[in-house]
PDB file of N, CA and C in Angstrom:
ATOM      1  N   MET A   1       9.803  30.932  15.880  1.00  0.00           N
ATOM      2  CA  MET A   1       8.746  31.914  15.940  1.00  0.00           C
ATOM      3  C   MET A   1       8.758  32.637  17.286  1.00  0.00           C
ATOM      4  N   ALA A   2       9.012  31.877  18.359  1.00  0.00           N
ATOM      5  CA  ALA A   2       9.042  32.506  19.679  1.00  0.00           C
ATOM      6  C   ALA A   2      10.177  33.513  19.765  1.00  0.00           C
ATOM      7  N   THR A   3      11.307  33.189  19.159  1.00  0.00           N
ATOM      8  CA  THR A   3      12.437  34.110  19.168  1.00  0.00           C
ATOM      9  C   THR A   3      12.102  35.366  18.379  1.00  0.00           C
ATOM     10  N   ALA A   4      11.528  35.186  17.187  1.00  0.00           N
ATOM     11  CA  ALA A   4      11.150  36.330  16.348  1.00  0.00           C
ATOM     12  C   ALA A   4      10.128  37.217  17.043  1.00  0.00           C
ATOM     13  N   ALA A   5       9.229  36.614  17.808  1.00  0.00           N
ATOM     14  CA  ALA A   5       8.193  37.361  18.510  1.00  0.00           C
ATOM     15  C   ALA A   5       8.686  37.935  19.838  1.00  0.00           C
ATOM     16  N   GLY A   6       9.900  37.530  20.253  1.00  0.00           N
ATOM     17  CA  GLY A   6      10.419  37.998  21.532  1.00  0.00           C
ATOM     18  C   GLY A   6       9.721  37.376  22.733  1.00  0.00           C
ATOM     19  N   ASP A   7       9.108  36.233  22.521  1.00  0.00           N
ATOM     20  CA  ASP A   7       8.363  35.543  23.583  1.00  0.00           C
ATOM     21  C   ASP A   7       9.307  34.602  24.334  1.00  0.00           C
ATOM     22  N   ARG A   8       9.951  35.144  25.352  1.00  0.00           N
ATOM     23  CA  ARG A   8      10.963  34.379  26.089  1.00  0.00           C
ATOM     24  C   ARG A   8      10.361  33.246  26.903  1.00  0.00           C
ATOM     25  N   HIS A   9       9.117  33.381  27.333  1.00  0.00           N
ATOM     26  CA  HIS A   9       8.474  32.291  28.070  1.00  0.00           C
ATOM     27  C   HIS A   9       8.276  31.069  27.164  1.00  0.00           C
ATOM     28  N   THR A  10       7.858  31.315  25.944  1.00  0.00           N
ATOM     29  CA  THR A  10       7.708  30.207  25.006  1.00  0.00           C
ATOM     30  C   THR A  10       9.077  29.671  24.602  1.00  0.00           C
ATOM     31  N   GLN A  11      10.060  30.550  24.473  1.00  0.00           N
ATOM     32  CA  GLN A  11      11.412  30.113  24.100  1.00  0.00           C
ATOM     33  C   GLN A  11      11.964  29.088  25.088  1.00  0.00           C
ATOM     34  N   TRP A  12      11.814  29.358  26.394  1.00  0.00           N
ATOM     35  CA  TRP A  12      12.399  28.422  27.351  1.00  0.00           C
ATOM     36  C   TRP A  12      11.689  27.082  27.282  1.00  0.00           C
ATOM     37  N   GLU A  13      10.382  27.103  27.043  1.00  0.00           N
ATOM     38  CA  GLU A  13       9.636  25.843  26.917  1.00  0.00           C
ATOM     39  C   GLU A  13      10.054  25.077  25.671  1.00  0.00           C
ATOM     40  N   VAL A  14      10.218  25.789  24.555  1.00  0.00           N
ATOM     41  CA  VAL A  14      10.653  25.141  23.316  1.00  0.00           C
ATOM     42  C   VAL A  14      12.036  24.535  23.508  1.00  0.00           C
ATOM     43  N   LEU A  15      12.949  25.293  24.091  1.00  0.00           N
ATOM     44  CA  LEU A  15      14.301  24.771  24.335  1.00  0.00           C
ATOM     45  C   LEU A  15      14.257  23.543  25.237  1.00  0.00           C
ATOM     46  N   ARG A  16      13.405  23.574  26.242  1.00  0.00           N
ATOM     47  CA  ARG A  16      13.264  22.421  27.144  1.00  0.00           C
ATOM     48  C   ARG A  16      12.811  21.184  26.368  1.00  0.00           C
ATOM     49  N   HIS A  17      11.792  21.353  25.543  1.00  0.00           N
ATOM     50  CA  HIS A  17      11.256  20.207  24.808  1.00  0.00           C
ATOM     51  C   HIS A  17      12.225  19.715  23.733  1.00  0.00           C
ATOM     52  N   LEU A  18      12.981  20.623  23.124  1.00  0.00           N
ATOM     53  CA  LEU A  18      14.020  20.196  22.193  1.00  0.00           C
ATOM     54  C   LEU A  18      15.081  19.379  22.931  1.00  0.00           C
ATOM     55  N   GLY A  19      15.430  19.820  24.128  1.00  0.00           N
ATOM     56  CA  GLY A  19      16.394  19.081  24.939  1.00  0.00           C
ATOM     57  C   GLY A  19      15.892  17.700  25.304  1.00  0.00           C
ATOM     58  N   ILE A  20      14.642  17.609  25.665  1.00  0.00           N
ATOM     59  CA  ILE A  20      14.050  16.313  26.011  1.00  0.00           C
ATOM     60  C   ILE A  20      14.059  15.396  24.793  1.00  0.00           C
ATOM     61  N   ALA A  21      13.681  15.929  23.635  1.00  0.00           N
ATOM     62  CA  ALA A  21      13.660  15.119  22.410  1.00  0.00           C
ATOM     63  C   ALA A  21      15.067  14.660  22.032  1.00  0.00           C
ATOM     64  N   ASP A  22      16.039  15.560  22.142  1.00  0.00           N
ATOM     65  CA  ASP A  22      17.419  15.179  21.839  1.00  0.00           C
ATOM     66  C   ASP A  22      17.914  14.107  22.802  1.00  0.00           C
ATOM     67  N   HIS A  23      17.590  14.259  24.066  1.00  0.00           N
ATOM     68  CA  HIS A  23      18.002  13.265  25.067  1.00  0.00           C
ATOM     69  C   HIS A  23      17.411  11.899  24.734  1.00  0.00           C
ATOM     70  N   ALA A  24      16.129  11.876  24.420  1.00  0.00           N
ATOM     71  CA  ALA A  24      15.454  10.617  24.086  1.00  0.00           C
ATOM     72  C   ALA A  24      16.069   9.967  22.848  1.00  0.00           C
ATOM     73  N   ALA A  25      16.573  10.795  21.931  1.00  0.00           N
ATOM     74  CA  ALA A  25      17.177  10.276  20.695  1.00  0.00           C
ATOM     75  C   ALA A  25      18.660   9.965  20.863  1.00  0.00           C
ATOM     76  N   GLY A  26      19.185  10.196  22.067  1.00  0.00           N
ATOM     77  CA  GLY A  26      20.585   9.889  22.321  1.00  0.00           C
ATOM     78  C   GLY A  26      21.552  10.966  21.868  1.00  0.00           C
ATOM     79  N   ARG A  27      21.043  12.128  21.496  1.00  0.00           N
ATOM     80  CA  ARG A  27      21.894  13.258  21.089  1.00  0.00           C
ATOM     81  C   ARG A  27      22.200  14.092  22.333  1.00  0.00           C
ATOM     82  N   LEU A  28      23.118  13.573  23.147  1.00  0.00           N
ATOM     83  CA  LEU A  28      23.335  14.146  24.470  1.00  0.00           C
ATOM     84  C   LEU A  28      23.949  15.540  24.435  1.00  0.00           C
ATOM     85  N   ASP A  29      24.861  15.794  23.513  1.00  0.00           N
ATOM     86  CA  ASP A  29      25.460  17.136  23.443  1.00  0.00           C
ATOM     87  C   ASP A  29      24.402  18.176  23.073  1.00  0.00           C
ATOM     88  N   ALA A  30      23.575  17.864  22.090  1.00  0.00           N
ATOM     89  CA  ALA A  30      22.513  18.782  21.693  1.00  0.00           C
ATOM     90  C   ALA A  30      21.501  18.959  22.824  1.00  0.00           C
ATOM     91  N   ALA A  31      21.177  17.865  23.500  1.00  0.00           N
ATOM     92  CA  ALA A  31      20.234  17.938  24.626  1.00  0.00           C
ATOM     93  C   ALA A  31      20.783  18.864  25.709  1.00  0.00           C
ATOM     94  N   ARG A  32      22.056  18.704  25.999  1.00  0.00           N
ATOM     95  CA  ARG A  32      22.687  19.544  27.023  1.00  0.00           C
ATOM     96  C   ARG A  32      22.627  21.010  26.621  1.00  0.00           C
ATOM     97  N   GLU A  33      22.963  21.315  25.361  1.00  0.00           N
ATOM     98  CA  GLU A  33      22.934  22.700  24.895  1.00  0.00           C
ATOM     99  C   GLU A  33      21.541  23.309  25.026  1.00  0.00           C
ATOM    100  N   HIS A  34      20.527  22.570  24.607  1.00  0.00           N
ATOM    101  CA  HIS A  34      19.165  23.089  24.688  1.00  0.00           C
ATOM    102  C   HIS A  34      18.722  23.300  26.133  1.00  0.00           C
ATOM    103  N   LEU A  35      18.999  22.331  26.994  1.00  0.00           N
ATOM    104  CA  LEU A  35      18.566  22.469  28.387  1.00  0.00           C
ATOM    105  C   LEU A  35      19.332  23.571  29.109  1.00  0.00           C
ATOM    106  N   GLU A  36      20.618  23.709  28.818  1.00  0.00           N
ATOM    107  CA  GLU A  36      21.381  24.789  29.443  1.00  0.00           C
ATOM    108  C   GLU A  36      20.862  26.153  28.993  1.00  0.00           C
ATOM    109  N   ALA A  37      20.491  26.282  27.719  1.00  0.00           N
ATOM    110  CA  ALA A  37      19.913  27.533  27.228  1.00  0.00           C
ATOM    111  C   ALA A  37      18.574  27.801  27.907  1.00  0.00           C
ATOM    112  N   SER A  38      17.787  26.758  28.101  1.00  0.00           N
ATOM    113  CA  SER A  38      16.507  26.906  28.776  1.00  0.00           C
ATOM    114  C   SER A  38      16.714  27.340  30.226  1.00  0.00           C
ATOM    115  N   VAL A  39      17.703  26.755  30.893  1.00  0.00           N
ATOM    116  CA  VAL A  39      18.014  27.141  32.273  1.00  0.00           C
ATOM    117  C   VAL A  39      18.372  28.621  32.336  1.00  0.00           C
ATOM    118  N   ARG A  40      19.214  29.072  31.401  1.00  0.00           N
ATOM    119  CA  ARG A  40      19.596  30.494  31.403  1.00  0.00           C
ATOM    120  C   ARG A  40      18.373  31.404  31.284  1.00  0.00           C
ATOM    121  N   LEU A  41      17.480  31.069  30.353  1.00  0.00           N
ATOM    122  CA  LEU A  41      16.265  31.876  30.187  1.00  0.00           C
ATOM    123  C   LEU A  41      15.396  31.835  31.441  1.00  0.00           C
ATOM    124  N   CYS A  42      15.257  30.666  32.025  1.00  0.00           N
ATOM    125  CA  CYS A  42      14.435  30.542  33.235  1.00  0.00           C
ATOM    126  C   CYS A  42      15.001  31.382  34.371  1.00  0.00           C
ATOM    127  N   ARG A  43      16.313  31.402  34.491  1.00  0.00           N
ATOM    128  CA  ARG A  43      16.936  32.241  35.525  1.00  0.00           C
ATOM    129  C   ARG A  43      16.649  33.710  35.260  1.00  0.00           C
ATOM    130  N   GLU A  44      16.817  34.127  34.004  1.00  0.00           N
ATOM    131  CA  GLU A  44      16.555  35.525  33.647  1.00  0.00           C
ATOM    132  C   GLU A  44      15.105  35.915  33.914  1.00  0.00           C
ATOM    133  N   LEU A  45      14.195  34.970  33.705  1.00  0.00           N
ATOM    134  CA  LEU A  45      12.774  35.236  33.882  1.00  0.00           C
ATOM    135  C   LEU A  45      12.300  35.050  35.324  1.00  0.00           C
ATOM    136  N   GLY A  46      13.188  34.578  36.195  1.00  0.00           N
ATOM    137  CA  GLY A  46      12.809  34.383  37.597  1.00  0.00           C
ATOM    138  C   GLY A  46      11.901  33.191  37.818  1.00  0.00           C
ATOM    139  N   LEU A  47      12.210  32.081  37.148  1.00  0.00           N
ATOM    140  CA  LEU A  47      11.403  30.855  37.248  1.00  0.00           C
ATOM    141  C   LEU A  47      12.228  29.739  37.890  1.00  0.00           C
ATOM    142  N   PRO A  48      12.407  29.780  39.211  1.00  0.00           N
ATOM    143  CA  PRO A  48      13.290  28.812  39.856  1.00  0.00           C
ATOM    144  C   PRO A  48      12.828  27.359  39.731  1.00  0.00           C
ATOM    145  N   ALA A  49      11.538  27.103  39.776  1.00  0.00           N
ATOM    146  CA  ALA A  49      11.067  25.717  39.635  1.00  0.00           C
ATOM    147  C   ALA A  49      11.408  25.183  38.243  1.00  0.00           C
ATOM    148  N   ALA A  50      11.297  26.023  37.230  1.00  0.00           N
ATOM    149  CA  ALA A  50      11.648  25.601  35.873  1.00  0.00           C
ATOM    150  C   ALA A  50      13.150  25.367  35.755  1.00  0.00           C
ATOM    151  N   VAL A  51      13.947  26.185  36.429  1.00  0.00           N
ATOM    152  CA  VAL A  51      15.399  25.964  36.449  1.00  0.00           C
ATOM    153  C   VAL A  51      15.680  24.570  36.997  1.00  0.00           C
ATOM    154  N   ALA A  52      15.121  24.255  38.150  1.00  0.00           N
ATOM    155  CA  ALA A  52      15.363  22.960  38.785  1.00  0.00           C
ATOM    156  C   ALA A  52      14.849  21.813  37.922  1.00  0.00           C
ATOM    157  N   ALA A  53      13.695  21.988  37.293  1.00  0.00           N
ATOM    158  CA  ALA A  53      13.145  20.934  36.440  1.00  0.00           C
ATOM    159  C   ALA A  53      14.060  20.655  35.256  1.00  0.00           C
ATOM    160  N   ASN A  54      14.590  21.709  34.638  1.00  0.00           N
ATOM    161  CA  ASN A  54      15.534  21.524  33.534  1.00  0.00           C
ATOM    162  C   ASN A  54      16.815  20.855  34.017  1.00  0.00           C
ATOM    163  N   GLN A  55      17.227  21.174  35.215  1.00  0.00           N
ATOM    164  CA  GLN A  55      18.446  20.582  35.752  1.00  0.00           C
ATOM    165  C   GLN A  55      18.293  19.081  35.970  1.00  0.00           C
ATOM    166  N   VAL A  56      17.081  18.617  36.194  1.00  0.00           N
ATOM    167  CA  VAL A  56      16.864  17.164  36.314  1.00  0.00           C
ATOM    168  C   VAL A  56      17.353  16.483  35.033  1.00  0.00           C
ATOM    169  N   GLY A  57      16.954  17.012  33.887  1.00  0.00           N
ATOM    170  CA  GLY A  57      17.428  16.460  32.625  1.00  0.00           C
ATOM    171  C   GLY A  57      18.933  16.551  32.496  1.00  0.00           C
ATOM    172  N   LEU A  58      19.492  17.671  32.931  1.00  0.00           N
ATOM    173  CA  LEU A  58      20.947  17.836  32.858  1.00  0.00           C
ATOM    174  C   LEU A  58      21.679  16.843  33.756  1.00  0.00           C
ATOM    175  N   ILE A  59      21.064  16.466  34.864  1.00  0.00           N
ATOM    176  CA  ILE A  59      21.668  15.444  35.741  1.00  0.00           C
ATOM    177  C   ILE A  59      21.784  14.129  34.994  1.00  0.00           C
ATOM    178  N   TYR A  60      20.686  13.713  34.360  1.00  0.00           N
ATOM    179  CA  TYR A  60      20.703  12.461  33.605  1.00  0.00           C
ATOM    180  C   TYR A  60      21.707  12.510  32.455  1.00  0.00           C
ATOM    181  N   ILE A  61      21.791  13.641  31.783  1.00  0.00           N
ATOM    182  CA  ILE A  61      22.727  13.777  30.671  1.00  0.00           C
ATOM    183  C   ILE A  61      24.161  13.696  31.176  1.00  0.00           C
ATOM    184  N   ALA A  62      24.458  14.409  32.248  1.00  0.00           N
ATOM    185  CA  ALA A  62      25.814  14.364  32.810  1.00  0.00           C
ATOM    186  C   ALA A  62      26.192  12.938  33.197  1.00  0.00           C
ATOM    187  N   ALA A  63      25.262  12.230  33.800  1.00  0.00           N
ATOM    188  CA  ALA A  63      25.536  10.839  34.190  1.00  0.00           C
ATOM    189  C   ALA A  63      25.796   9.972  32.963  1.00  0.00           C
ATOM    190  N   ALA A  64      24.991  10.160  31.920  1.00  0.00           N
ATOM    191  CA  ALA A  64      25.145   9.371  30.695  1.00  0.00           C
ATOM    192  C   ALA A  64      26.467   9.668  30.004  1.00  0.00           C
ATOM    193  N   GLN A  65      26.974  10.869  30.175  1.00  0.00           N
ATOM    194  CA  GLN A  65      28.242  11.249  29.571  1.00  0.00           C
ATOM    195  C   GLN A  65      29.434  10.915  30.464  1.00  0.00           C
ATOM    196  N   GLY A  66      29.163  10.260  31.585  1.00  0.00           N
ATOM    197  CA  GLY A  66      30.238   9.884  32.486  1.00  0.00           C
ATOM    198  C   GLY A  66      30.752  11.037  33.338  1.00  0.00           C
ATOM    199  N   ARG A  67      29.979  12.089  33.456  1.00  0.00           N
ATOM    200  CA  ARG A  67      30.353  13.260  34.254  1.00  0.00           C
ATOM    201  C   ARG A  67      29.636  13.199  35.599  1.00  0.00           C
ATOM    202  N   ARG A  68      29.978  12.180  36.365  1.00  0.00           N
ATOM    203  CA  ARG A  68      29.280  11.915  37.634  1.00  0.00           C
ATOM    204  C   ARG A  68      29.386  13.087  38.612  1.00  0.00           C
ATOM    205  N   ASP A  69      30.567  13.683  38.730  1.00  0.00           N
ATOM    206  CA  ASP A  69      30.727  14.813  39.645  1.00  0.00           C
ATOM    207  C   ASP A  69      29.831  15.980  39.241  1.00  0.00           C
ATOM    208  N   ASP A  70      29.741  16.234  37.931  1.00  0.00           N
ATOM    209  CA  ASP A  70      28.841  17.283  37.445  1.00  0.00           C
ATOM    210  C   ASP A  70      27.390  16.939  37.769  1.00  0.00           C
ATOM    211  N   ALA A  71      27.033  15.677  37.579  1.00  0.00           N
ATOM    212  CA  ALA A  71      25.661  15.241  37.861  1.00  0.00           C
ATOM    213  C   ALA A  71      25.317  15.478  39.326  1.00  0.00           C
ATOM    214  N   LEU A  72      26.226  15.129  40.214  1.00  0.00           N
ATOM    215  CA  LEU A  72      25.962  15.292  41.639  1.00  0.00           C
ATOM    216  C   LEU A  72      25.923  16.765  42.048  1.00  0.00           C
ATOM    217  N   ALA A  73      26.779  17.583  41.436  1.00  0.00           N
ATOM    218  CA  ALA A  73      26.747  19.022  41.723  1.00  0.00           C
ATOM    219  C   ALA A  73      25.438  19.636  41.222  1.00  0.00           C
ATOM    220  N   LEU A  74      25.012  19.234  40.033  1.00  0.00           N
ATOM    221  CA  LEU A  74      23.725  19.703  39.510  1.00  0.00           C
ATOM    222  C   LEU A  74      22.582  19.276  40.422  1.00  0.00           C
ATOM    223  N   ALA A  75      22.650  18.049  40.926  1.00  0.00           N
ATOM    224  CA  ALA A  75      21.596  17.549  41.803  1.00  0.00           C
ATOM    225  C   ALA A  75      21.514  18.381  43.083  1.00  0.00           C
ATOM    226  N   ALA A  76      22.653  18.706  43.641  1.00  0.00           N
ATOM    227  CA  ALA A  76      22.659  19.517  44.866  1.00  0.00           C
ATOM    228  C   ALA A  76      22.064  20.896  44.599  1.00  0.00           C
ATOM    229  N   GLU A  77      22.463  21.509  43.490  1.00  0.00           N
ATOM    230  CA  GLU A  77      21.938  22.837  43.145  1.00  0.00           C
ATOM    231  C   GLU A  77      20.439  22.785  42.840  1.00  0.00           C
ATOM    232  N   ALA A  78      20.035  21.794  42.057  1.00  0.00           N
ATOM    233  CA  ALA A  78      18.623  21.669  41.679  1.00  0.00           C
ATOM    234  C   ALA A  78      17.749  21.413  42.901  1.00  0.00           C
ATOM    235  N   TYR A  79      18.216  20.564  43.811  1.00  0.00           N
ATOM    236  CA  TYR A  79      17.437  20.263  45.004  1.00  0.00           C
ATOM    237  C   TYR A  79      17.254  21.525  45.853  1.00  0.00           C
ATOM    238  N   ALA A  80      18.348  22.263  46.041  1.00  0.00           N
ATOM    239  CA  ALA A  80      18.272  23.491  46.841  1.00  0.00           C
ATOM    240  C   ALA A  80      17.341  24.513  46.189  1.00  0.00           C
ATOM    241  N   THR A  81      17.401  24.615  44.876  1.00  0.00           N
ATOM    242  CA  THR A  81      16.541  25.553  44.153  1.00  0.00           C
ATOM    243  C   THR A  81      15.075  25.152  44.293  1.00  0.00           C
ATOM    244  N   ALA A  82      14.802  23.870  44.074  1.00  0.00           N
ATOM    245  CA  ALA A  82      13.421  23.373  44.184  1.00  0.00           C
ATOM    246  C   ALA A  82      12.900  23.530  45.612  1.00  0.00           C
ATOM    247  N   GLU A  83      13.735  23.228  46.576  1.00  0.00           N
ATOM    248  CA  GLU A  83      13.327  23.348  47.979  1.00  0.00           C
ATOM    249  C   GLU A  83      13.011  24.805  48.330  1.00  0.00           C
ATOM    250  N   ALA A  84      13.843  25.725  47.841  1.00  0.00           N
ATOM    251  CA  ALA A  84      13.659  27.138  48.161  1.00  0.00           C
ATOM    252  C   ALA A  84      12.341  27.697  47.628  1.00  0.00           C
ATOM    253  N   CYS A  85      11.856  27.123  46.535  1.00  0.00           N
ATOM    254  CA  CYS A  85      10.597  27.641  45.975  1.00  0.00           C
ATOM    255  C   CYS A  85       9.424  26.699  46.243  1.00  0.00           C
ATOM    256  N   GLY A  86       9.646  25.680  47.070  1.00  0.00           N
ATOM    257  CA  GLY A  86       8.559  24.792  47.473  1.00  0.00           C
ATOM    258  C   GLY A  86       8.105  23.814  46.406  1.00  0.00           C
ATOM    259  N   ALA A  87       8.971  23.514  45.455  1.00  0.00           N
ATOM    260  CA  ALA A  87       8.628  22.596  44.356  1.00  0.00           C
ATOM    261  C   ALA A  87       8.937  21.158  44.782  1.00  0.00           C
ATOM    262  N   ARG A  88       8.049  20.599  45.583  1.00  0.00           N
ATOM    263  CA  ARG A  88       8.280  19.278  46.176  1.00  0.00           C
ATOM    264  C   ARG A  88       8.376  18.157  45.138  1.00  0.00           C
ATOM    265  N   ARG A  89       7.554  18.200  44.129  1.00  0.00           N
ATOM    266  CA  ARG A  89       7.594  17.157  43.093  1.00  0.00           C
ATOM    267  C   ARG A  89       8.951  17.167  42.381  1.00  0.00           C
ATOM    268  N   ILE A  90       9.447  18.370  42.116  1.00  0.00           N
ATOM    269  CA  ILE A  90      10.753  18.477  41.462  1.00  0.00           C
ATOM    270  C   ILE A  90      11.846  18.006  42.415  1.00  0.00           C
ATOM    271  N   MET A  91      11.692  18.269  43.696  1.00  0.00           N
ATOM    272  CA  MET A  91      12.664  17.759  44.672  1.00  0.00           C
ATOM    273  C   MET A  91      12.749  16.243  44.590  1.00  0.00           C
ATOM    274  N   ARG A  92      11.599  15.568  44.462  1.00  0.00           N
ATOM    275  CA  ARG A  92      11.596  14.104  44.338  1.00  0.00           C
ATOM    276  C   ARG A  92      12.254  13.671  43.034  1.00  0.00           C
ATOM    277  N   GLN A  93      11.989  14.408  41.955  1.00  0.00           N
ATOM    278  CA  GLN A  93      12.602  14.071  40.671  1.00  0.00           C
ATOM    279  C   GLN A  93      14.118  14.236  40.731  1.00  0.00           C
ATOM    280  N   VAL A  94      14.575  15.271  41.411  1.00  0.00           N
ATOM    281  CA  VAL A  94      16.017  15.495  41.577  1.00  0.00           C
ATOM    282  C   VAL A  94      16.631  14.335  42.348  1.00  0.00           C
ATOM    283  N   GLU A  95      15.965  13.932  43.411  1.00  0.00           N
ATOM    284  CA  GLU A  95      16.500  12.826  44.223  1.00  0.00           C
ATOM    285  C   GLU A  95      16.564  11.533  43.410  1.00  0.00           C
ATOM    286  N   GLU A  96      15.545  11.265  42.602  1.00  0.00           N
ATOM    287  CA  GLU A  96      15.562  10.078  41.738  1.00  0.00           C
ATOM    288  C   GLU A  96      16.712  10.155  40.736  1.00  0.00           C
ATOM    289  N   ALA A  97      16.921  11.325  40.153  1.00  0.00           N
ATOM    290  CA  ALA A  97      18.006  11.500  39.188  1.00  0.00           C
ATOM    291  C   ALA A  97      19.361  11.336  39.869  1.00  0.00           C
ATOM    292  N   ARG A  98      19.487  11.847  41.081  1.00  0.00           N
ATOM    293  CA  ARG A  98      20.749  11.713  41.822  1.00  0.00           C
ATOM    294  C   ARG A  98      21.052  10.252  42.092  1.00  0.00           C
ATOM    295  N   ILE A  99      20.044   9.498  42.499  1.00  0.00           N
ATOM    296  CA  ILE A  99      20.226   8.065  42.759  1.00  0.00           C
ATOM    297  C   ILE A  99      20.657   7.349  41.481  1.00  0.00           C
ATOM    298  N   GLN A 100      20.001   7.674  40.368  1.00  0.00           N
ATOM    299  CA  GLN A 100      20.369   7.072  39.079  1.00  0.00           C
ATOM    300  C   GLN A 100      21.801   7.427  38.705  1.00  0.00           C
ATOM    301  N   ALA A 101      22.191   8.682  38.948  1.00  0.00           N
ATOM    302  CA  ALA A 101      23.533   9.131  38.591  1.00  0.00           C
ATOM    303  C   ALA A 101      24.597   8.390  39.385  1.00  0.00           C
ATOM    304  N   MET A 102      24.256   7.970  40.588  1.00  0.00           N
ATOM    305  CA  MET A 102      25.212   7.260  41.436  1.00  0.00           C
ATOM    306  C   MET A 102      25.256   5.768  41.149  1.00  0.00           C
ATOM    307  N   ALA A 103      24.243   5.260  40.457  1.00  0.00           N
ATOM    308  CA  ALA A 103      24.171   3.821  40.190  1.00  0.00           C
ATOM    309  C   ALA A 103      25.184   3.431  39.118  1.00  0.00           C
ATOM    310  N   PRO A 104      25.954   2.399  39.381  1.00  0.00           N
ATOM    311  CA  PRO A 104      26.907   1.931  38.369  1.00  0.00           C
ATOM    312  C   PRO A 104      26.193   1.203  37.243  1.00  0.00           C
ATOM    313  N   ASP A 105      26.774   1.285  36.046  1.00  0.00           N
ATOM    314  CA  ASP A 105      26.291   0.524  34.886  1.00  0.00           C
ATOM    315  C   ASP A 105      24.811   0.759  34.597  1.00  0.00           C
ATOM    316  N   THR A 106      24.378   1.996  34.695  1.00  0.00           N
ATOM    317  CA  THR A 106      22.987   2.327  34.411  1.00  0.00           C
ATOM    318  C   THR A 106      22.924   3.054  33.074  1.00  0.00           C
ATOM    319  N   ASP A 107      21.969   2.696  32.235  1.00  0.00           N
ATOM    320  CA  ASP A 107      21.745   3.394  30.979  1.00  0.00           C
ATOM    321  C   ASP A 107      20.928   4.638  31.272  1.00  0.00           C
ATOM    322  N   HIS A 108      21.510   5.789  31.001  1.00  0.00           N
ATOM    323  CA  HIS A 108      20.854   7.065  31.285  1.00  0.00           C
ATOM    324  C   HIS A 108      20.305   7.700  30.018  1.00  0.00           C
ATOM    325  N   GLY A 109      20.002   6.909  29.024  1.00  0.00           N
ATOM    326  CA  GLY A 109      19.420   7.439  27.803  1.00  0.00           C
ATOM    327  C   GLY A 109      20.402   7.577  26.674  1.00  0.00           C
ATOM    328  N   GLN A 110      21.640   7.151  26.857  1.00  0.00           N
ATOM    329  CA  GLN A 110      22.637   7.250  25.796  1.00  0.00           C
ATOM    330  C   GLN A 110      22.448   6.096  24.827  1.00  0.00           C
ATOM    331  N   LYS A 111      22.499   6.406  23.552  1.00  0.00           N
ATOM    332  CA  LYS A 111      22.349   5.393  22.521  1.00  0.00           C
ATOM    333  C   LYS A 111      23.617   5.234  21.765  1.00  0.00           C
TER     334      LYS A 111
END
């Protein structure tokens, strides 16, 4: 409905929540696709805090898929983005995700 209405703000939120639901269900590829689409919309809309928040999920997904280098690169980008817009809570979430991504033998939501 958001797409049909051209409501891009609602679209990015819907994509984010679909990504979260897919991640929780262990559908990591689908979760990644939804969150990456949400990130693209957030960038287009000029919502840097939302970009960084979505990237937190992408960090966990990358780690769960064994893409540690991608997870760490995402963490660096997300932290810088959150810091630049003063999103301190998201900065803490990024740091927690980075620590998890570096931890060996950690379940990152993969089923």
